[in-house]
Protein backbone atom coordinates (compact mmCIF):
# COMPACT_ATOMS: atom_id res chain seq x y z
CA MET A 1 35.14 70.13 42.80
CA ASP A 2 34.45 73.16 45.52
CA PHE A 3 32.51 71.45 48.47
CA ASN A 4 31.62 74.71 50.37
CA ASP A 5 28.57 76.95 49.87
CA THR A 6 29.72 80.72 48.45
CA LYS A 7 28.46 83.51 50.65
CA GLU A 8 24.82 83.98 49.07
CA GLU A 9 24.84 80.44 48.78
CA ALA A 10 25.40 79.89 52.69
CA THR A 11 22.66 82.86 53.31
CA PHE A 12 20.52 81.54 51.18
CA ARG A 13 20.50 77.86 52.72
CA ALA A 14 20.09 79.27 56.11
CA GLU A 15 17.03 81.31 55.23
CA ALA A 16 15.18 78.07 53.57
CA ARG A 17 16.44 76.06 56.55
CA ALA A 18 14.68 78.83 58.87
CA PHE A 19 11.54 78.75 56.53
CA LEU A 20 11.41 75.07 56.65
CA SER A 21 12.21 74.80 60.63
CA ALA A 22 9.06 77.19 60.95
CA ASN A 23 6.84 75.46 58.55
CA ALA A 24 7.31 71.70 58.50
CA GLN A 25 8.44 68.51 61.04
CA LEU A 26 11.93 67.16 60.52
CA LYS A 27 12.14 63.58 59.38
CA ALA A 28 14.39 62.35 62.39
CA GLY A 29 12.34 60.48 64.71
CA THR A 30 9.05 60.26 62.63
CA ARG A 31 7.59 57.57 60.86
CA PRO A 32 7.98 57.05 57.19
CA VAL A 33 5.04 57.50 55.10
CA LEU A 34 6.21 54.14 52.72
CA ARG A 35 3.05 53.31 50.35
CA GLN A 36 -0.40 54.68 49.32
CA SER A 37 -3.07 52.78 47.93
CA GLY A 38 -4.38 56.04 46.47
CA VAL A 39 -4.43 59.90 47.22
CA ASP A 40 -7.41 61.22 49.21
CA ALA A 41 -9.19 64.71 48.73
CA ALA A 42 -7.65 65.16 52.07
CA ALA A 43 -3.87 64.65 50.98
CA VAL A 44 -4.54 66.63 47.70
CA GLN A 45 -5.35 69.68 49.91
CA ARG A 46 -2.44 69.51 51.80
CA CYS A 47 0.01 69.45 49.03
CA LYS A 48 -1.82 72.63 47.47
CA GLU A 49 -1.08 74.54 50.93
CA TRP A 50 2.17 73.30 50.94
CA GLN A 51 2.68 74.76 47.24
CA ALA A 52 1.09 77.81 48.41
CA LYS A 53 3.18 78.65 51.22
CA LYS A 54 6.36 77.99 49.85
CA ALA A 55 5.65 80.17 46.62
CA ASP A 56 4.59 82.95 49.14
CA ALA A 57 7.80 82.36 51.16
CA GLY A 58 9.78 82.81 47.64
CA PHE A 59 10.68 79.41 47.35
CA ALA A 60 8.87 77.92 44.92
CA GLY A 61 10.09 78.24 41.23
CA LEU A 62 13.43 79.87 42.06
CA THR A 63 15.26 80.02 38.90
CA TRP A 64 11.71 81.19 36.89
CA PRO A 65 11.33 84.34 35.57
CA LYS A 66 9.76 87.09 38.20
CA ARG A 67 6.99 87.79 36.17
CA PHE A 68 5.77 84.39 37.05
CA GLY A 69 6.37 84.59 40.81
CA GLY A 70 10.09 83.06 40.17
CA LYS A 71 13.42 84.66 41.63
CA GLU A 72 15.09 84.34 38.36
CA ALA A 73 17.83 82.81 40.60
CA SER A 74 21.24 80.23 40.24
CA PRO A 75 20.19 76.82 39.43
CA ILE A 76 22.42 76.04 42.52
CA LEU A 77 19.78 77.89 44.63
CA GLN A 78 17.31 75.03 43.59
CA VAL A 79 19.63 72.52 44.90
CA ILE A 80 20.28 73.85 48.04
CA TYR A 81 16.66 74.38 48.58
CA ASN A 82 15.69 70.83 47.42
CA GLN A 83 18.68 69.49 50.01
CA GLU A 84 17.20 71.20 53.14
CA GLU A 85 13.96 70.61 51.74
CA ASP A 86 14.52 66.46 52.13
CA ASP A 87 15.36 66.86 55.74
CA PHE A 88 11.85 67.63 56.61
CA VAL A 89 8.17 65.53 56.08
CA VAL A 90 6.64 67.75 53.80
CA PRO A 91 3.64 66.88 50.91
CA ARG A 92 4.92 66.96 47.64
CA GLY A 93 5.16 65.08 44.73
CA LEU A 94 1.95 66.12 43.09
CA TYR A 95 3.60 68.69 41.48
CA GLU A 96 7.15 67.31 40.73
CA ILE A 97 6.19 66.44 36.90
CA GLY A 98 4.19 69.65 36.39
CA LEU A 99 6.70 72.07 37.72
CA GLY A 100 10.02 70.17 36.63
CA MET A 101 9.05 69.53 32.97
CA CYS A 102 5.56 70.30 31.95
CA ILE A 103 5.55 74.11 32.79
CA PRO A 104 9.39 74.50 31.81
CA THR A 105 8.45 73.00 28.34
CA MET A 106 6.00 75.45 28.28
CA MET A 107 7.91 78.70 28.64
CA ALA A 108 10.32 77.28 26.25
CA TYR A 109 7.51 77.16 23.67
CA ALA A 110 3.99 78.52 24.70
CA LYS A 111 2.54 82.03 23.47
CA PRO A 112 3.03 84.78 26.33
CA GLU A 113 -0.64 85.01 26.70
CA GLN A 114 -0.72 81.28 27.45
CA LEU A 115 2.32 81.77 29.77
CA ASP A 116 0.38 84.39 31.53
CA ARG A 117 -2.83 82.21 32.17
CA TYR A 118 -1.27 79.07 33.45
CA VAL A 119 2.37 79.66 34.81
CA LYS A 120 1.35 81.28 37.66
CA PRO A 121 -1.57 79.16 38.64
CA ALA A 122 0.85 75.76 38.11
CA LEU A 123 3.42 77.69 40.86
CA ARG A 124 1.19 78.16 43.50
CA GLY A 125 -0.37 74.56 43.12
CA GLU A 126 -3.61 75.84 42.29
CA GLU A 127 -3.46 73.42 38.80
CA VAL A 128 -1.75 70.05 38.24
CA TRP A 129 -0.34 68.75 35.22
CA CYS A 130 0.88 65.62 33.43
CA GLN A 131 3.12 64.58 31.08
CA LEU A 132 1.33 62.09 28.35
CA PHE A 133 4.48 60.38 26.65
CA SER A 134 4.61 56.30 27.26
CA GLU A 135 2.68 54.30 24.86
CA PRO A 136 2.13 50.44 25.40
CA ALA A 137 3.74 49.16 21.83
CA GLY A 138 6.51 51.71 22.33
CA GLY A 139 8.52 50.46 25.16
CA SER A 140 11.07 52.64 26.02
CA ASP A 141 11.41 54.39 22.72
CA LEU A 142 9.46 57.04 22.83
CA ALA A 143 9.77 57.88 19.04
CA ALA A 144 7.81 54.92 18.34
CA LEU A 145 4.39 56.19 19.59
CA ARG A 146 1.54 55.66 17.86
CA THR A 147 -1.18 57.85 19.33
CA ARG A 148 -2.21 60.22 16.58
CA ALA A 149 -3.66 63.38 15.40
CA VAL A 150 -5.36 64.44 12.62
CA ARG A 151 -5.77 67.97 11.55
CA ASP A 152 -10.10 69.45 11.52
CA GLY A 153 -9.68 72.76 10.83
CA ASP A 154 -8.60 75.05 13.79
CA ASP A 155 -8.36 72.10 16.08
CA TRP A 156 -6.74 68.01 16.06
CA VAL A 157 -8.49 65.42 17.06
CA ILE A 158 -6.38 62.95 19.14
CA ASN A 159 -7.20 59.13 19.32
CA GLY A 160 -4.78 56.47 20.78
CA GLN A 161 -3.73 55.45 24.16
CA LYS A 162 -0.78 56.30 26.62
CA ILE A 163 0.00 54.65 29.93
CA TRP A 164 2.30 54.94 33.02
CA THR A 165 1.42 58.64 33.35
CA SER A 166 1.76 59.52 36.65
CA GLY A 167 -1.02 61.59 38.39
CA ALA A 168 -3.08 61.91 35.59
CA HIS A 169 -6.61 61.18 37.78
CA LEU A 170 -5.45 63.96 39.97
CA SER A 171 -4.65 66.49 36.87
CA ASP A 172 -6.10 69.83 35.28
CA PHE A 173 -3.86 69.72 32.21
CA GLY A 174 -1.29 67.65 30.28
CA ILE A 175 1.27 67.71 27.85
CA ILE A 176 1.43 65.41 25.02
CA VAL A 177 3.01 64.13 21.97
CA VAL A 178 1.53 62.28 18.98
CA ARG A 179 1.97 61.05 15.64
CA THR A 180 0.72 63.84 12.81
CA ASP A 181 2.51 62.51 9.59
CA PRO A 182 3.01 58.61 9.60
CA ASP A 183 4.30 59.12 6.18
CA LYS A 184 7.94 60.64 7.68
CA PRO A 185 10.54 58.43 9.51
CA LYS A 186 9.24 57.92 13.03
CA HIS A 187 11.30 61.24 14.80
CA GLU A 188 10.16 63.20 12.11
CA GLY A 189 6.51 63.01 12.02
CA LEU A 190 5.56 64.03 15.40
CA THR A 191 3.57 67.06 17.19
CA PHE A 192 3.65 68.44 20.53
CA PHE A 193 0.21 70.34 22.26
CA PHE A 194 -1.24 70.75 25.77
CA LEU A 195 -4.45 70.72 26.80
CA ASP A 196 -7.14 70.35 29.41
CA MET A 197 -7.33 66.71 31.15
CA LYS A 198 -10.89 66.98 31.60
CA SER A 199 -12.02 67.36 27.77
CA PRO A 200 -14.72 65.07 26.20
CA GLY A 201 -13.01 61.68 25.43
CA ILE A 202 -10.49 61.71 27.64
CA ASP A 203 -10.52 58.25 30.31
CA VAL A 204 -8.40 57.81 32.91
CA ARG A 205 -7.70 54.41 34.71
CA PRO A 206 -5.51 54.08 37.56
CA ILE A 207 -3.16 50.83 37.45
CA HIS A 208 -3.38 49.25 41.14
CA GLN A 209 0.74 48.65 41.04
CA MET A 210 1.90 45.67 43.30
CA SER A 211 3.24 47.74 46.11
CA GLY A 212 -0.13 49.07 46.59
CA ALA A 213 0.18 52.40 45.36
CA SER A 214 -2.27 53.69 42.39
CA HIS A 215 -0.12 56.77 41.03
CA PHE A 216 0.26 55.66 37.14
CA ASN A 217 -2.62 55.42 34.77
CA GLU A 218 -3.56 54.39 31.33
CA VAL A 219 -5.08 57.51 29.61
CA PHE A 220 -7.38 56.75 26.59
CA PHE A 221 -8.33 59.18 23.48
CA THR A 222 -11.43 59.23 21.98
CA ASP A 223 -11.66 61.79 19.49
CA VAL A 224 -10.56 64.47 21.74
CA ARG A 225 -10.40 67.64 19.99
CA VAL A 226 -7.48 70.11 20.68
CA PRO A 227 -7.14 73.85 19.32
CA ASP A 228 -4.17 74.29 17.48
CA ALA A 229 -3.81 77.28 19.61
CA GLN A 230 -2.57 74.99 22.07
CA ARG A 231 0.39 73.59 19.74
CA LEU A 232 3.80 73.61 21.21
CA GLY A 233 6.40 74.52 18.42
CA ALA A 234 5.50 73.87 14.89
CA VAL A 235 4.03 70.94 13.27
CA GLY A 236 6.30 67.73 12.84
CA GLN A 237 9.13 69.10 15.31
CA GLY A 238 7.56 67.55 18.24
CA TRP A 239 10.56 65.63 19.02
CA LYS A 240 12.58 68.48 19.26
CA VAL A 241 9.95 70.12 22.14
CA SER A 242 9.61 66.57 23.47
CA LEU A 243 13.63 66.64 24.79
CA THR A 244 13.09 69.88 25.70
CA THR A 245 10.78 67.82 28.43
CA LEU A 246 13.72 65.20 28.73
CA MET A 247 16.35 67.88 28.91
CA ASN A 248 14.59 69.10 32.22
CA GLU A 249 14.13 66.23 33.82
CA ARG A 250 17.32 64.69 33.38
CA LEU A 251 18.80 67.87 34.98
CA ALA A 252 17.08 67.76 38.02
CA VAL A 253 19.69 66.46 40.64
CA GLY A 254 18.08 63.41 42.62
CA ASP A 255 17.73 62.63 45.65
CA VAL A 256 18.97 59.17 47.51
CA GLN A 257 16.39 57.00 47.49
CA ARG A 258 15.71 54.96 50.84
CA PRO A 259 16.55 52.42 51.99
CA ASP A 260 20.29 53.54 51.64
CA VAL A 261 23.54 52.09 53.39
CA ASP A 262 22.57 53.50 56.57
CA ASP A 263 19.37 52.03 56.74
CA LEU A 264 20.93 48.37 56.14
CA LEU A 265 23.30 49.17 58.35
CA GLU A 266 20.56 49.91 61.30
CA LEU A 267 18.71 46.72 60.32
CA SER A 268 21.69 44.29 60.42
CA ARG A 269 22.47 45.46 64.34
CA LYS A 270 19.02 44.45 65.05
CA MET A 271 18.80 40.78 62.64
CA ARG A 272 20.62 37.75 64.15
CA ILE A 273 22.61 35.05 62.06
CA ASP A 274 23.53 32.47 64.26
CA GLY A 275 22.77 34.05 67.30
CA LYS A 276 24.91 37.32 66.88
CA PRO A 277 23.98 40.51 65.21
CA ALA A 278 24.40 40.23 61.50
CA ILE A 279 26.37 43.24 61.36
CA GLN A 280 29.05 40.79 62.75
CA ASN A 281 28.88 38.71 59.91
CA GLY A 282 31.88 38.71 57.47
CA ALA A 283 29.60 38.85 54.12
CA VAL A 284 27.18 41.31 55.44
CA ARG A 285 29.78 43.45 56.24
CA GLU A 286 31.51 42.75 53.27
CA LYS A 287 28.00 43.75 51.06
CA ILE A 288 27.97 47.06 53.28
CA ALA A 289 30.97 47.81 52.75
CA GLU A 290 30.50 47.48 48.83
CA TRP A 291 27.41 49.84 49.15
CA HIS A 292 29.16 52.34 51.21
CA ALA A 293 31.62 53.08 48.82
CA ARG A 294 28.95 52.99 45.51
CA SER A 295 27.15 55.54 47.47
CA GLN A 296 30.06 57.49 48.29
CA GLY A 297 31.19 57.38 44.26
CA LEU A 298 27.07 58.91 43.84
CA LYS A 299 27.85 61.58 46.38
CA PHE A 300 30.27 63.09 45.13
CA THR A 301 29.17 62.39 41.37
CA ARG A 302 26.35 64.82 42.40
CA PHE A 303 29.15 67.32 43.86
CA ARG A 304 30.32 67.73 40.26
CA THR A 305 26.82 68.41 39.09
CA MET A 306 26.28 71.09 41.93
CA THR A 307 29.90 72.41 40.94
CA ALA A 308 28.80 73.35 37.50
CA LEU A 309 25.29 74.90 38.40
CA SER A 310 26.97 76.78 41.32
CA LYS A 311 29.78 78.26 38.62
CA GLY A 312 26.78 78.77 35.83
CA GLU A 313 27.89 75.68 34.00
CA THR A 314 25.70 72.96 32.26
CA PRO A 315 25.99 69.93 34.17
CA GLY A 316 27.79 66.81 31.84
CA PRO A 317 26.57 63.62 31.74
CA GLU A 318 27.00 63.05 36.05
CA ASN A 319 22.79 62.67 35.94
CA SER A 320 22.49 59.91 33.74
CA ILE A 321 25.24 57.79 35.40
CA HIS A 322 23.87 58.83 38.89
CA LYS A 323 20.46 57.47 37.60
CA LEU A 324 21.41 54.13 36.30
CA VAL A 325 23.80 53.16 39.26
CA ASN A 326 21.44 54.64 42.13
CA ALA A 327 17.99 53.13 40.80
CA SER A 328 20.14 49.63 40.54
CA LYS A 329 21.90 50.19 44.02
CA LEU A 330 17.94 50.68 45.66
CA GLN A 331 16.81 47.42 44.37
CA ASP A 332 19.87 45.59 45.63
CA ILE A 333 19.88 47.14 49.03
CA ALA A 334 16.18 46.58 49.45
CA SER A 335 16.73 42.78 48.11
CA TYR A 336 19.09 42.18 50.99
CA GLY A 337 17.25 43.59 53.41
CA LEU A 338 14.51 40.93 52.84
CA ASP A 339 17.44 38.39 53.09
CA LEU A 340 18.39 38.95 56.26
CA MET A 341 14.86 39.83 57.92
CA GLY A 342 14.29 35.86 56.63
CA ASN A 343 11.14 35.04 57.21
CA HIS A 344 9.63 38.14 58.33
CA GLY A 345 10.65 39.18 54.82
CA MET A 346 7.55 38.21 53.17
CA VAL A 347 5.06 40.49 55.63
CA VAL A 348 4.12 43.20 54.02
CA ASP A 349 2.53 45.51 57.23
CA ASP A 350 3.91 48.84 58.13
CA ASP A 351 3.12 47.84 61.71
CA LEU A 352 4.82 44.63 61.99
CA THR A 353 8.21 44.44 60.20
CA GLU A 354 11.35 46.32 60.85
CA ALA A 355 11.88 49.98 59.59
CA TYR A 356 8.21 50.12 59.11
CA GLY A 357 7.96 48.10 55.74
CA MET A 358 10.56 50.32 54.41
CA PHE A 359 12.59 47.53 52.23
CA GLN A 360 9.55 45.70 51.51
CA ALA A 361 7.81 48.81 49.87
CA ALA A 362 11.24 49.65 48.43
CA LEU A 363 11.53 46.21 46.71
CA LEU A 364 8.07 46.42 45.00
CA SER A 365 8.20 49.82 43.73
CA SER A 366 12.25 49.92 42.56
CA PRO A 367 11.71 48.19 39.13
CA SER A 368 9.93 51.57 38.46
CA ALA A 369 12.88 53.36 39.46
CA ARG A 370 15.18 51.32 36.54
CA ILE A 371 12.39 52.56 34.08
CA ALA A 372 11.09 55.89 34.91
CA GLY A 373 12.88 58.84 33.25
CA GLY A 374 15.35 56.78 30.98
CA SER A 375 15.40 53.22 31.40
CA ASP A 376 19.00 51.34 32.01
CA GLU A 377 19.39 50.65 28.51
CA ILE A 378 18.46 54.13 27.11
CA LEU A 379 20.96 55.54 29.81
CA ARG A 380 23.80 53.11 29.10
CA ASN A 381 23.35 53.93 25.39
CA ILE A 382 23.52 57.89 26.47
CA ILE A 383 26.81 57.15 28.39
CA ALA A 384 28.33 54.72 25.61
CA GLU A 385 27.30 57.26 22.69
CA ARG A 386 27.99 60.48 24.09
CA VAL A 387 30.51 60.32 27.02
CA LEU A 388 32.34 57.41 25.48
CA GLY A 389 32.21 57.75 21.73
CA LEU A 390 31.28 54.80 20.81
CA PRO A 391 29.27 53.79 17.68
CA PRO A 392 25.79 53.93 18.12
CA ASP A 393 23.38 51.24 17.84
CA ILE A 394 22.43 49.99 14.27
CA ARG A 395 18.87 51.50 13.57
CA VAL A 396 17.34 49.56 10.54
CA ASP A 397 14.09 52.11 10.93
CA LYS A 398 16.70 54.91 10.02
CA GLY A 399 15.04 57.30 7.40
CA VAL A 400 12.12 54.73 7.10
CA PRO A 401 8.74 55.89 6.81
CA PHE A 402 6.84 54.94 10.29
CA ASN A 403 4.24 53.49 8.42
CA LYS A 404 6.41 51.17 6.66
CA VAL A 405 8.66 50.05 9.84
CA PRO A 406 7.59 46.53 9.96
CA THR A 407 5.58 45.46 12.90
CA GLY A 408 3.88 42.17 14.32
CA LYS A 409 0.70 41.26 13.57
CA ARG A 410 -2.06 43.58 14.55
């Protein structure tokens, strides 16, 4: 691994830092924003303004083609910018799915005139995109989806339901994979489209989460008409297009989520066990040391990814390993932090608890981190089969037409 920036990378890092210093506030010394019961119009406007400012400065879509406002830069420069931006308080989150997954899929499969219409507005934050994949009956098996589309002249008519769609209530457009041929095996009868989220027949219902947030949604489709011109890829090739989306999702180098070891260390200095600071307790110190070692392993695993990107290589399985370990570590640290707080750990009020309720918020939201972007079980299978070369799971539905796969009573 190479831990040093090249001359070009160091210059770019300094430019990014200067831009952020001039336009945003450092996180150090600021109160963290931990939970939101909803996203109001003012918050959306702040996100739009920040994205436009970033695009004007040339720091949005760094790896994208210049014709769309990008710089055609190396992926390592995007990683460096993300590292620098993480030190500042910026209104982000509204565009991560659209710019990280939806638009890259469009760039791989959409027609040139469609790219001219949709890519630059998305990059500038003028339009928001969502990803319509998961379904209630499918669990972590995307290919088990049941939302169907039937051809009707130049249109397709969609009926069904998607769930856990982040930001659907704020989105202008979305990408969707549906079943168009139930007579074929489940991976072969899928087709991929993009659609207008304001189309007649689309009903978006926010899901109130136990953390207090409501950024997930169920989305219902009732006779929604989508032109065949908005199909991405060939009919029946939706699984192939979906893999493009998922590869873009897993290529991103994830940031360490808080609370992390440093936050737990700070909390242990304030909490007391048997009248002494918790940090003096041997069992507490042992737990912190364990998570510190795990965090160091994650850090160096990320460096492996960064080294590959810096050399122009494609990252290997490191991101699956990173996501699997980091999501469970976040949940464990949050849970242990509440244990240290004792009865105060039950209080969910940012103004009354230690660390502004960081540990409470993390524990309530952390289960989603172990599902979104690939569940723990899916990631273990990827690592086992594609890294260790172990035999794949037995699939009783392999080669079976989807409408012949046994299901429970409905």
